[in-house]
Amino acid sequence: MTLAELSPMYEAAAVPLRLRLRQLRLMLAQTQDPEEIFHIKRRIQELTPMLTQMNELAELTAHYYDRGYWRSEKYTL
């Protein structure tokens, strides 16, 4: 399996995260309970970096073999 073949898998894995974050943001807008607001914000803070990383890895693996593609130092050795 090549890295380019992994890209759709990263994209697919990002979909549930994106949906859950959307749900949490809607819940946050609808609640007034301070404790629930705290827990929702905390969960959003936990999931946001995961989604960011999924998106970055999907982009990187999709274009890894493209000549001239600039690769982030974050994912290079």
PDB file of N, CA and C in Angstrom:
ATOM      1  N   MET A   1       0.846  -1.175   0.000  1.00  0.00           N
ATOM      2  CA  MET A   1       0.000   0.000   0.000  1.00  0.00           C
ATOM      3  C   MET A   1       0.896   1.245   0.000  1.00  0.00           C
ATOM      4  N   THR A   2       0.575   2.182  -0.862  1.00  0.00           N
ATOM      5  CA  THR A   2       1.346   3.415  -0.934  1.00  0.00           C
ATOM      6  C   THR A   2       0.718   4.478  -0.039  1.00  0.00           C
ATOM      7  N   LEU A   3       1.462   5.533   0.192  1.00  0.00           N
ATOM      8  CA  LEU A   3       0.931   6.623   0.999  1.00  0.00           C
ATOM      9  C   LEU A   3      -0.262   7.276   0.308  1.00  0.00           C
ATOM     10  N   ALA A   4      -0.230   7.354  -1.001  1.00  0.00           N
ATOM     11  CA  ALA A   4      -1.344   7.945  -1.745  1.00  0.00           C
ATOM     12  C   ALA A   4      -2.629   7.140  -1.528  1.00  0.00           C
ATOM     13  N   GLU A   5      -2.506   5.852  -1.340  1.00  0.00           N
ATOM     14  CA  GLU A   5      -3.677   5.013  -1.090  1.00  0.00           C
ATOM     15  C   GLU A   5      -4.223   5.195   0.332  1.00  0.00           C
ATOM     16  N   LEU A   6      -3.389   5.712   1.231  1.00  0.00           N
ATOM     17  CA  LEU A   6      -3.833   5.961   2.605  1.00  0.00           C
ATOM     18  C   LEU A   6      -4.663   7.236   2.724  1.00  0.00           C
ATOM     19  N   SER A   7      -4.474   8.163   1.807  1.00  0.00           N
ATOM     20  CA  SER A   7      -5.139   9.457   1.898  1.00  0.00           C
ATOM     21  C   SER A   7      -6.656   9.350   2.029  1.00  0.00           C
ATOM     22  N   PRO A   8      -7.349   8.555   1.208  1.00  0.00           N
ATOM     23  CA  PRO A   8      -8.802   8.449   1.385  1.00  0.00           C
ATOM     24  C   PRO A   8      -9.203   7.877   2.747  1.00  0.00           C
ATOM     25  N   MET A   9      -8.343   7.055   3.325  1.00  0.00           N
ATOM     26  CA  MET A   9      -8.645   6.509   4.650  1.00  0.00           C
ATOM     27  C   MET A   9      -8.593   7.601   5.718  1.00  0.00           C
ATOM     28  N   TYR A  10      -7.603   8.478   5.611  1.00  0.00           N
ATOM     29  CA  TYR A  10      -7.535   9.611   6.537  1.00  0.00           C
ATOM     30  C   TYR A  10      -8.738  10.531   6.346  1.00  0.00           C
ATOM     31  N   GLU A  11      -9.111  10.767   5.102  1.00  0.00           N
ATOM     32  CA  GLU A  11     -10.273  11.613   4.825  1.00  0.00           C
ATOM     33  C   GLU A  11     -11.545  10.996   5.411  1.00  0.00           C
ATOM     34  N   ALA A  12     -11.694   9.695   5.255  1.00  0.00           N
ATOM     35  CA  ALA A  12     -12.873   9.012   5.798  1.00  0.00           C
ATOM     36  C   ALA A  12     -12.876   9.040   7.324  1.00  0.00           C
ATOM     37  N   ALA A  13     -11.712   8.929   7.930  1.00  0.00           N
ATOM     38  CA  ALA A  13     -11.621   8.948   9.393  1.00  0.00           C
ATOM     39  C   ALA A  13     -11.925  10.338   9.944  1.00  0.00           C
ATOM     40  N   ALA A  14     -11.735  11.368   9.141  1.00  0.00           N
ATOM     41  CA  ALA A  14     -12.003  12.735   9.584  1.00  0.00           C
ATOM     42  C   ALA A  14     -13.493  13.052   9.601  1.00  0.00           C
ATOM     43  N   VAL A  15     -14.283  12.353   8.812  1.00  0.00           N
ATOM     44  CA  VAL A  15     -15.724  12.653   8.704  1.00  0.00           C
ATOM     45  C   VAL A  15     -16.444  12.529  10.055  1.00  0.00           C
ATOM     46  N   PRO A  16     -16.298  11.424  10.790  1.00  0.00           N
ATOM     47  CA  PRO A  16     -16.985  11.343  12.088  1.00  0.00           C
ATOM     48  C   PRO A  16     -16.521  12.411  13.080  1.00  0.00           C
ATOM     49  N   LEU A  17     -15.246  12.753  13.036  1.00  0.00           N
ATOM     50  CA  LEU A  17     -14.744  13.806  13.917  1.00  0.00           C
ATOM     51  C   LEU A  17     -15.394  15.143  13.576  1.00  0.00           C
ATOM     52  N   ARG A  18     -15.450  15.438  12.287  1.00  0.00           N
ATOM     53  CA  ARG A  18     -16.070  16.683  11.830  1.00  0.00           C
ATOM     54  C   ARG A  18     -17.545  16.752  12.253  1.00  0.00           C
ATOM     55  N   LEU A  19     -18.262  15.640  12.089  1.00  0.00           N
ATOM     56  CA  LEU A  19     -19.670  15.594  12.482  1.00  0.00           C
ATOM     57  C   LEU A  19     -19.839  15.767  13.994  1.00  0.00           C
ATOM     58  N   ARG A  20     -19.014  15.100  14.762  1.00  0.00           N
ATOM     59  CA  ARG A  20     -19.113  15.199  16.222  1.00  0.00           C
ATOM     60  C   ARG A  20     -18.806  16.615  16.704  1.00  0.00           C
ATOM     61  N   LEU A  21     -17.805  17.249  16.091  1.00  0.00           N
ATOM     62  CA  LEU A  21     -17.502  18.625  16.471  1.00  0.00           C
ATOM     63  C   LEU A  21     -18.672  19.552  16.146  1.00  0.00           C
ATOM     64  N   ARG A  22     -19.310  19.319  15.025  1.00  0.00           N
ATOM     65  CA  ARG A  22     -20.477  20.121  14.658  1.00  0.00           C
ATOM     66  C   ARG A  22     -21.595  19.929  15.694  1.00  0.00           C
ATOM     67  N   GLN A  23     -21.825  18.679  16.109  1.00  0.00           N
ATOM     68  CA  GLN A  23     -22.845  18.398  17.125  1.00  0.00           C
ATOM     69  C   GLN A  23     -22.517  19.085  18.451  1.00  0.00           C
ATOM     70  N   LEU A  24     -21.259  18.998  18.846  1.00  0.00           N
ATOM     71  CA  LEU A  24     -20.854  19.607  20.111  1.00  0.00           C
ATOM     72  C   LEU A  24     -21.026  21.127  20.083  1.00  0.00           C
ATOM     73  N   ARG A  25     -20.721  21.742  18.961  1.00  0.00           N
ATOM     74  CA  ARG A  25     -20.876  23.195  18.853  1.00  0.00           C
ATOM     75  C   ARG A  25     -22.349  23.597  18.916  1.00  0.00           C
ATOM     76  N   LEU A  26     -23.205  22.776  18.328  1.00  0.00           N
ATOM     77  CA  LEU A  26     -24.645  23.038  18.432  1.00  0.00           C
ATOM     78  C   LEU A  26     -25.117  22.878  19.876  1.00  0.00           C
ATOM     79  N   MET A  27     -24.649  21.838  20.535  1.00  0.00           N
ATOM     80  CA  MET A  27     -25.008  21.622  21.935  1.00  0.00           C
ATOM     81  C   MET A  27     -24.535  22.789  22.800  1.00  0.00           C
ATOM     82  N   LEU A  28     -23.333  23.275  22.510  1.00  0.00           N
ATOM     83  CA  LEU A  28     -22.774  24.391  23.262  1.00  0.00           C
ATOM     84  C   LEU A  28     -23.636  25.642  23.111  1.00  0.00           C
ATOM     85  N   ALA A  29     -24.118  25.872  21.922  1.00  0.00           N
ATOM     86  CA  ALA A  29     -24.957  27.047  21.676  1.00  0.00           C
ATOM     87  C   ALA A  29     -26.312  26.938  22.354  1.00  0.00           C
ATOM     88  N   GLN A  30     -26.766  25.733  22.634  1.00  0.00           N
ATOM     89  CA  GLN A  30     -28.101  25.530  23.181  1.00  0.00           C
ATOM     90  C   GLN A  30     -28.139  25.373  24.694  1.00  0.00           C
ATOM     91  N   THR A  31     -27.009  25.216  25.337  1.00  0.00           N
ATOM     92  CA  THR A  31     -27.016  24.953  26.777  1.00  0.00           C
ATOM     93  C   THR A  31     -26.669  26.204  27.573  1.00  0.00           C
ATOM     94  N   GLN A  32     -27.174  26.236  28.772  1.00  0.00           N
ATOM     95  CA  GLN A  32     -26.882  27.323  29.718  1.00  0.00           C
ATOM     96  C   GLN A  32     -26.172  26.796  30.970  1.00  0.00           C
ATOM     97  N   ASP A  33     -26.117  25.485  31.130  1.00  0.00           N
ATOM     98  CA  ASP A  33     -25.527  24.866  32.313  1.00  0.00           C
ATOM     99  C   ASP A  33     -24.001  25.015  32.281  1.00  0.00           C
ATOM    100  N   PRO A  34     -23.418  25.707  33.272  1.00  0.00           N
ATOM    101  CA  PRO A  34     -21.965  25.933  33.271  1.00  0.00           C
ATOM    102  C   PRO A  34     -21.142  24.646  33.272  1.00  0.00           C
ATOM    103  N   GLU A  35     -21.613  23.643  33.992  1.00  0.00           N
ATOM    104  CA  GLU A  35     -20.872  22.382  34.035  1.00  0.00           C
ATOM    105  C   GLU A  35     -20.894  21.690  32.675  1.00  0.00           C
ATOM    106  N   GLU A  36     -22.041  21.694  32.039  1.00  0.00           N
ATOM    107  CA  GLU A  36     -22.147  21.082  30.710  1.00  0.00           C
ATOM    108  C   GLU A  36     -21.329  21.866  29.692  1.00  0.00           C
ATOM    109  N   ILE A  37     -21.328  23.181  29.794  1.00  0.00           N
ATOM    110  CA  ILE A  37     -20.510  24.022  28.905  1.00  0.00           C
ATOM    111  C   ILE A  37     -19.044  23.661  29.056  1.00  0.00           C
ATOM    112  N   PHE A  38     -18.605  23.485  30.307  1.00  0.00           N
ATOM    113  CA  PHE A  38     -17.216  23.111  30.564  1.00  0.00           C
ATOM    114  C   PHE A  38     -16.866  21.791  29.881  1.00  0.00           C
ATOM    115  N   HIS A  39     -17.719  20.787  30.034  1.00  0.00           N
ATOM    116  CA  HIS A  39     -17.444  19.464  29.467  1.00  0.00           C
ATOM    117  C   HIS A  39     -17.474  19.489  27.933  1.00  0.00           C
ATOM    118  N   ILE A  40     -18.395  20.239  27.369  1.00  0.00           N
ATOM    119  CA  ILE A  40     -18.474  20.325  25.909  1.00  0.00           C
ATOM    120  C   ILE A  40     -17.240  21.028  25.355  1.00  0.00           C
ATOM    121  N   LYS A  41     -16.840  22.128  25.986  1.00  0.00           N
ATOM    122  CA  LYS A  41     -15.648  22.854  25.521  1.00  0.00           C
ATOM    123  C   LYS A  41     -14.399  21.984  25.633  1.00  0.00           C
ATOM    124  N   ARG A  42     -14.328  21.228  26.715  1.00  0.00           N
ATOM    125  CA  ARG A  42     -13.176  20.338  26.901  1.00  0.00           C
ATOM    126  C   ARG A  42     -13.127  19.274  25.802  1.00  0.00           C
ATOM    127  N   ARG A  43     -14.269  18.709  25.465  1.00  0.00           N
ATOM    128  CA  ARG A  43     -14.323  17.687  24.409  1.00  0.00           C
ATOM    129  C   ARG A  43     -13.969  18.296  23.057  1.00  0.00           C
ATOM    130  N   ILE A  44     -14.430  19.503  22.805  1.00  0.00           N
ATOM    131  CA  ILE A  44     -14.082  20.190  21.555  1.00  0.00           C
ATOM    132  C   ILE A  44     -12.572  20.403  21.482  1.00  0.00           C
ATOM    133  N   GLN A  45     -11.966  20.795  22.598  1.00  0.00           N
ATOM    134  CA  GLN A  45     -10.519  21.000  22.638  1.00  0.00           C
ATOM    135  C   GLN A  45      -9.752  19.700  22.402  1.00  0.00           C
ATOM    136  N   GLU A  46     -10.309  18.583  22.807  1.00  0.00           N
ATOM    137  CA  GLU A  46      -9.652  17.290  22.601  1.00  0.00           C
ATOM    138  C   GLU A  46      -9.773  16.823  21.153  1.00  0.00           C
ATOM    139  N   LEU A  47     -10.931  17.059  20.539  1.00  0.00           N
ATOM    140  CA  LEU A  47     -11.180  16.544  19.192  1.00  0.00           C
ATOM    141  C   LEU A  47     -10.602  17.425  18.084  1.00  0.00           C
ATOM    142  N   THR A  48     -10.486  18.712  18.320  1.00  0.00           N
ATOM    143  CA  THR A  48     -10.005  19.628  17.285  1.00  0.00           C
ATOM    144  C   THR A  48      -8.593  19.282  16.796  1.00  0.00           C
ATOM    145  N   PRO A  49      -7.624  19.019  17.674  1.00  0.00           N
ATOM    146  CA  PRO A  49      -6.299  18.637  17.166  1.00  0.00           C
ATOM    147  C   PRO A  49      -6.312  17.315  16.386  1.00  0.00           C
ATOM    148  N   MET A  50      -7.197  16.405  16.773  1.00  0.00           N
ATOM    149  CA  MET A  50      -7.306  15.140  16.042  1.00  0.00           C
ATOM    150  C   MET A  50      -7.776  15.386  14.617  1.00  0.00           C
ATOM    151  N   LEU A  51      -8.777  16.242  14.471  1.00  0.00           N
ATOM    152  CA  LEU A  51      -9.288  16.556  13.135  1.00  0.00           C
ATOM    153  C   LEU A  51      -8.232  17.282  12.314  1.00  0.00           C
ATOM    154  N   THR A  52      -7.538  18.200  12.934  1.00  0.00           N
ATOM    155  CA  THR A  52      -6.475  18.920  12.236  1.00  0.00           C
ATOM    156  C   THR A  52      -5.410  17.956  11.730  1.00  0.00           C
ATOM    157  N   GLN A  53      -4.999  17.031  12.561  1.00  0.00           N
ATOM    158  CA  GLN A  53      -3.989  16.070  12.175  1.00  0.00           C
ATOM    159  C   GLN A  53      -4.493  15.148  11.062  1.00  0.00           C
ATOM    160  N   MET A  54      -5.735  14.718  11.134  1.00  0.00           N
ATOM    161  CA  MET A  54      -6.305  13.883  10.066  1.00  0.00           C
ATOM    162  C   MET A  54      -6.278  14.626   8.735  1.00  0.00           C
ATOM    163  N   ASN A  55      -6.663  15.901   8.759  1.00  0.00           N
ATOM    164  CA  ASN A  55      -6.658  16.696   7.534  1.00  0.00           C
ATOM    165  C   ASN A  55      -5.246  16.885   6.990  1.00  0.00           C
ATOM    166  N   GLU A  56      -4.306  17.159   7.877  1.00  0.00           N
ATOM    167  CA  GLU A  56      -2.914  17.336   7.456  1.00  0.00           C
ATOM    168  C   GLU A  56      -2.355  16.048   6.860  1.00  0.00           C
ATOM    169  N   LEU A  57      -2.633  14.924   7.493  1.00  0.00           N
ATOM    170  CA  LEU A  57      -2.120  13.652   6.991  1.00  0.00           C
ATOM    171  C   LEU A  57      -2.796  13.239   5.683  1.00  0.00           C
ATOM    172  N   ALA A  58      -4.072  13.547   5.534  1.00  0.00           N
ATOM    173  CA  ALA A  58      -4.749  13.261   4.269  1.00  0.00           C
ATOM    174  C   ALA A  58      -4.107  14.055   3.143  1.00  0.00           C
ATOM    175  N   GLU A  59      -3.821  15.327   3.399  1.00  0.00           N
ATOM    176  CA  GLU A  59      -3.169  16.180   2.393  1.00  0.00           C
ATOM    177  C   GLU A  59      -1.762  15.681   2.083  1.00  0.00           C
ATOM    178  N   LEU A  60      -1.004  15.386   3.123  1.00  0.00           N
ATOM    179  CA  LEU A  60       0.373  14.928   2.937  1.00  0.00           C
ATOM    180  C   LEU A  60       0.427  13.622   2.154  1.00  0.00           C
ATOM    181  N   THR A  61      -0.386  12.662   2.541  1.00  0.00           N
ATOM    182  CA  THR A  61      -0.321  11.371   1.856  1.00  0.00           C
ATOM    183  C   THR A  61      -0.878  11.441   0.443  1.00  0.00           C
ATOM    184  N   ALA A  62      -1.812  12.345   0.192  1.00  0.00           N
ATOM    185  CA  ALA A  62      -2.365  12.484  -1.159  1.00  0.00           C
ATOM    186  C   ALA A  62      -1.320  13.021  -2.127  1.00  0.00           C
ATOM    187  N   HIS A  63      -0.448  13.879  -1.640  1.00  0.00           N
ATOM    188  CA  HIS A  63       0.512  14.551  -2.528  1.00  0.00           C
ATOM    189  C   HIS A  63       1.961  14.167  -2.252  1.00  0.00           C
ATOM    190  N   TYR A  64       2.177  13.157  -1.458  1.00  0.00           N
ATOM    191  CA  TYR A  64       3.531  12.805  -1.040  1.00  0.00           C
ATOM    192  C   TYR A  64       4.463  12.548  -2.225  1.00  0.00           C
ATOM    193  N   TYR A  65       3.946  11.911  -3.247  1.00  0.00           N
ATOM    194  CA  TYR A  65       4.786  11.548  -4.382  1.00  0.00           C
ATOM    195  C   TYR A  65       4.814  12.611  -5.480  1.00  0.00           C
ATOM    196  N   ASP A  66       4.079  13.700  -5.300  1.00  0.00           N
ATOM    197  CA  ASP A  66       4.081  14.767  -6.297  1.00  0.00           C
ATOM    198  C   ASP A  66       5.402  15.512  -6.256  1.00  0.00           C
ATOM    199  N   ARG A  67       5.988  15.681  -7.401  1.00  0.00           N
ATOM    200  CA  ARG A  67       7.246  16.409  -7.496  1.00  0.00           C
ATOM    201  C   ARG A  67       6.999  17.873  -7.130  1.00  0.00           C
ATOM    202  N   GLY A  68       7.844  18.402  -6.286  1.00  0.00           N
ATOM    203  CA  GLY A  68       7.744  19.798  -5.899  1.00  0.00           C
ATOM    204  C   GLY A  68       6.760  20.082  -4.778  1.00  0.00           C
ATOM    205  N   TYR A  69       6.100  19.057  -4.266  1.00  0.00           N
ATOM    206  CA  TYR A  69       5.145  19.279  -3.172  1.00  0.00           C
ATOM    207  C   TYR A  69       5.912  19.580  -1.895  1.00  0.00           C
ATOM    208  N   TRP A  70       5.554  20.697  -1.254  1.00  0.00           N
ATOM    209  CA  TRP A  70       6.215  21.079  -0.012  1.00  0.00           C
ATOM    210  C   TRP A  70       5.634  20.265   1.139  1.00  0.00           C
ATOM    211  N   ARG A  71       6.494  19.569   1.855  1.00  0.00           N
ATOM    212  CA  ARG A  71       6.067  18.740   2.971  1.00  0.00           C
ATOM    213  C   ARG A  71       6.317  19.465   4.295  1.00  0.00           C
ATOM    214  N   SER A  72       5.375  19.368   5.174  1.00  0.00           N
ATOM    215  CA  SER A  72       5.502  19.993   6.484  1.00  0.00           C
ATOM    216  C   SER A  72       6.632  19.345   7.267  1.00  0.00           C
ATOM    217  N   GLU A  73       7.392  20.155   7.970  1.00  0.00           N
ATOM    218  CA  GLU A  73       8.468  19.616   8.812  1.00  0.00           C
ATOM    219  C   GLU A  73       7.904  18.781   9.959  1.00  0.00           C
ATOM    220  N   LYS A  74       6.650  18.980  10.254  1.00  0.00           N
ATOM    221  CA  LYS A  74       6.004  18.270  11.343  1.00  0.00           C
ATOM    222  C   LYS A  74       6.019  16.755  11.104  1.00  0.00           C
ATOM    223  N   TYR A  75       5.944  16.338   9.838  1.00  0.00           N
ATOM    224  CA  TYR A  75       5.826  14.922   9.527  1.00  0.00           C
ATOM    225  C   TYR A  75       7.040  14.366   8.789  1.00  0.00           C
ATOM    226  N   THR A  76       8.158  15.031   8.892  1.00  0.00           N
ATOM    227  CA  THR A  76       9.382  14.513   8.268  1.00  0.00           C
ATOM    228  C   THR A  76      10.403  14.168   9.345  1.00  0.00           C
ATOM    229  N   LEU A  77      11.273  13.272   9.004  1.00  0.00           N
ATOM    230  CA  LEU A  77      12.316  12.857   9.968  1.00  0.00           C
ATOM    231  C   LEU A  77      13.556  13.668   9.806  1.00  0.00           C
TER     232      LEU A  77
END
